[in-house]
C-alpha atoms as a PDB file:
ATOM      1  CA  MET A   1      27.379  70.074  36.835  1.00  0.00           C
ATOM      2  CA  LYS A   2      27.813  71.914  33.534  1.00  0.00           C
ATOM      3  CA  SER A   3      27.510  68.739  31.584  1.00  0.00           C
ATOM      4  CA  LYS A   4      24.289  67.742  33.563  1.00  0.00           C
ATOM      5  CA  LEU A   5      22.691  71.111  32.562  1.00  0.00           C
ATOM      6  CA  GLY A   6      23.906  70.304  28.939  1.00  0.00           C
ATOM      7  CA  GLN A   7      22.111  67.026  29.196  1.00  0.00           C
ATOM      8  CA  ILE A   8      18.962  68.576  30.478  1.00  0.00           C
ATOM      9  CA  ASP A   9      18.888  71.268  27.836  1.00  0.00           C
ATOM     10  CA  LYS A  10      19.282  68.538  25.185  1.00  0.00           C
ATOM     11  CA  ALA A  11      16.594  66.246  26.554  1.00  0.00           C
ATOM     12  CA  LEU A  12      14.262  69.177  26.740  1.00  0.00           C
ATOM     13  CA  ARG A  13      14.879  70.206  23.084  1.00  0.00           C
ATOM     14  CA  GLU A  14      14.473  66.461  21.923  1.00  0.00           C
ATOM     15  CA  LYS A  15      11.202  65.897  23.749  1.00  0.00           C
ATOM     16  CA  ILE A  16       8.464  66.632  21.128  1.00  0.00           C
ATOM     17  CA  LEU A  17       4.876  67.011  22.231  1.00  0.00           C
ATOM     18  CA  LEU A  18       1.827  67.236  19.870  1.00  0.00           C
ATOM     19  CA  VAL A  19      -1.356  69.156  21.107  1.00  0.00           C
ATOM     20  CA  GLU A  20      -4.719  68.996  19.244  1.00  0.00           C
ATOM     21  CA  HIS A  21      -7.421  71.214  20.005  1.00  0.00           C
ATOM     22  CA  SER A  22     -10.352  72.074  17.811  1.00  0.00           C
ATOM     23  CA  GLY A  23      -8.842  71.008  14.610  1.00  0.00           C
ATOM     24  CA  ILE A  24      -5.453  72.654  15.324  1.00  0.00           C
ATOM     25  CA  THR A  25      -2.345  70.691  15.855  1.00  0.00           C
ATOM     26  CA  ILE A  26       0.821  72.365  17.491  1.00  0.00           C
ATOM     27  CA  THR A  27       4.031  70.638  17.800  1.00  0.00           C
ATOM     28  CA  ILE A  28       6.132  71.988  20.716  1.00  0.00           C
ATOM     29  CA  ASN A  29       9.343  70.806  22.662  1.00  0.00           C
ATOM     30  CA  ALA A  30       9.776  70.776  26.347  1.00  0.00           C
ATOM     31  CA  LYS A  31      11.527  74.036  26.137  1.00  0.00           C
ATOM     32  CA  SER A  32       8.304  75.665  24.907  1.00  0.00           C
ATOM     33  CA  GLU A  33       9.596  76.227  21.374  1.00  0.00           C
ATOM     34  CA  ILE A  34       6.680  75.735  19.026  1.00  0.00           C
ATOM     35  CA  THR A  35       8.054  73.903  16.027  1.00  0.00           C
ATOM     36  CA  GLY A  36       4.962  73.258  14.035  1.00  0.00           C
ATOM     37  CA  LEU A  37       1.214  74.435  13.503  1.00  0.00           C
ATOM     38  CA  LYS A  38      -1.289  72.718  11.273  1.00  0.00           C
ATOM     39  CA  LEU A  39      -4.918  73.806  10.722  1.00  0.00           C
ATOM     40  CA  SER A  40      -7.487  71.404   9.443  1.00  0.00           C
ATOM     41  CA  ALA A  41      -9.709  72.322   6.604  1.00  0.00           C
ATOM     42  CA  GLU A  42     -12.706  72.881   8.974  1.00  0.00           C
ATOM     43  CA  VAL A  43     -10.821  75.404  11.005  1.00  0.00           C
ATOM     44  CA  LEU A  44     -10.462  77.615   7.952  1.00  0.00           C
ATOM     45  CA  GLN A  45     -14.192  77.589   7.497  1.00  0.00           C
ATOM     46  CA  ARG A  46     -14.920  79.166  10.861  1.00  0.00           C
ATOM     47  CA  PRO A  47     -15.317  83.088  11.427  1.00  0.00           C
ATOM     48  CA  HIS A  48     -11.971  84.793  11.940  1.00  0.00           C
ATOM     49  CA  GLU A  49     -12.572  85.479  15.508  1.00  0.00           C
ATOM     50  CA  LYS A  50     -13.277  81.702  16.332  1.00  0.00           C
ATOM     51  CA  ILE A  51     -10.064  80.813  14.573  1.00  0.00           C
ATOM     52  CA  GLU A  52      -8.023  83.156  16.625  1.00  0.00           C
ATOM     53  CA  ARG A  53      -9.546  82.098  20.011  1.00  0.00           C
ATOM     54  CA  ASP A  54      -8.988  78.387  18.969  1.00  0.00           C
ATOM     55  CA  VAL A  55      -5.368  78.975  17.969  1.00  0.00           C
ATOM     56  CA  LEU A  56      -4.647  80.862  21.273  1.00  0.00           C
ATOM     57  CA  ASN A  57      -6.236  78.061  23.267  1.00  0.00           C
ATOM     58  CA  ALA A  58      -4.339  75.510  21.540  1.00  0.00           C
ATOM     59  CA  ILE A  59      -0.955  77.568  22.237  1.00  0.00           C
ATOM     60  CA  GLN A  60      -2.001  77.887  25.768  1.00  0.00           C
ATOM     61  CA  GLN A  61      -2.580  74.127  25.979  1.00  0.00           C
ATOM     62  CA  ALA A  62       0.700  73.290  24.187  1.00  0.00           C
ATOM     63  CA  THR A  63       2.401  75.591  26.544  1.00  0.00           C
ATOM     64  CA  LYS A  64       1.168  74.091  29.581  1.00  0.00           C
ATOM     65  CA  LYS A  65       2.044  70.565  28.514  1.00  0.00           C
ATOM     66  CA  SER A  66       5.495  71.747  27.547  1.00  0.00           C
ATOM     67  CA  HIS A  67       6.111  73.256  31.091  1.00  0.00           C
ATOM     68  CA  ASP A  68       4.766  69.991  32.780  1.00  0.00           C
ATOM     69  CA  ALA A  69       7.124  67.945  30.559  1.00  0.00           C
ATOM     70  CA  MET A  70      10.010  70.383  31.336  1.00  0.00           C
ATOM     71  CA  ASN A  71       9.353  70.012  35.144  1.00  0.00           C
ATOM     72  CA  GLU A  72       9.134  66.183  34.780  1.00  0.00           C
ATOM     73  CA  GLU A  73      12.381  65.924  32.773  1.00  0.00           C
ATOM     74  CA  ALA A  74      14.220  68.145  35.158  1.00  0.00           C
ATOM     75  CA  LYS A  75      12.982  66.128  38.122  1.00  0.00           C
ATOM     76  CA  LYS A  76      14.342  62.950  36.597  1.00  0.00           C
ATOM     77  CA  LEU A  77      17.649  64.556  35.549  1.00  0.00           C
ATOM     78  CA  THR A  78      18.420  66.159  38.803  1.00  0.00           C
ATOM     79  CA  GLN A  79      17.473  63.363  41.085  1.00  0.00           C
ATOM     80  CA  GLY A  80      20.350  63.083  43.794  1.00  0.00           C
ATOM     81  CA  MET A  81      21.654  66.515  43.101  1.00  0.00           C
ATOM     82  CA  ASN A  82      21.331  69.109  45.755  1.00  0.00           C
ATOM     83  CA  ILE A  83      20.454  72.304  43.869  1.00  0.00           C
ATOM     84  CA  PRO A  84      19.003  75.011  46.223  1.00  0.00           C
ATOM     85  CA  GLY A  85      15.645  76.489  44.993  1.00  0.00           C
ATOM     86  CA  LEU A  86      15.300  73.887  42.456  1.00  0.00           C
ATOM     87  CA  MET A  87      11.870  72.064  42.914  1.00  0.00           C
END
């Protein structure tokens, strides 16, 4: 069981997702660890408040995508295991 959990953890860390929103690119893994952030040149021309809103929206989208990927990965790796309260 412990080795299976280790496999899940490793798979989640290695699953890298890219999310693009309004010229902002966020790199995040399936453990919701943001590993990169890129802003296009156009983003830097926007008003400060708009940049903040766009970055926040991009982070929220990336986090949701990460959670979805985490649930999918956990489902695949725990098939056949009877873990109470898990999914």
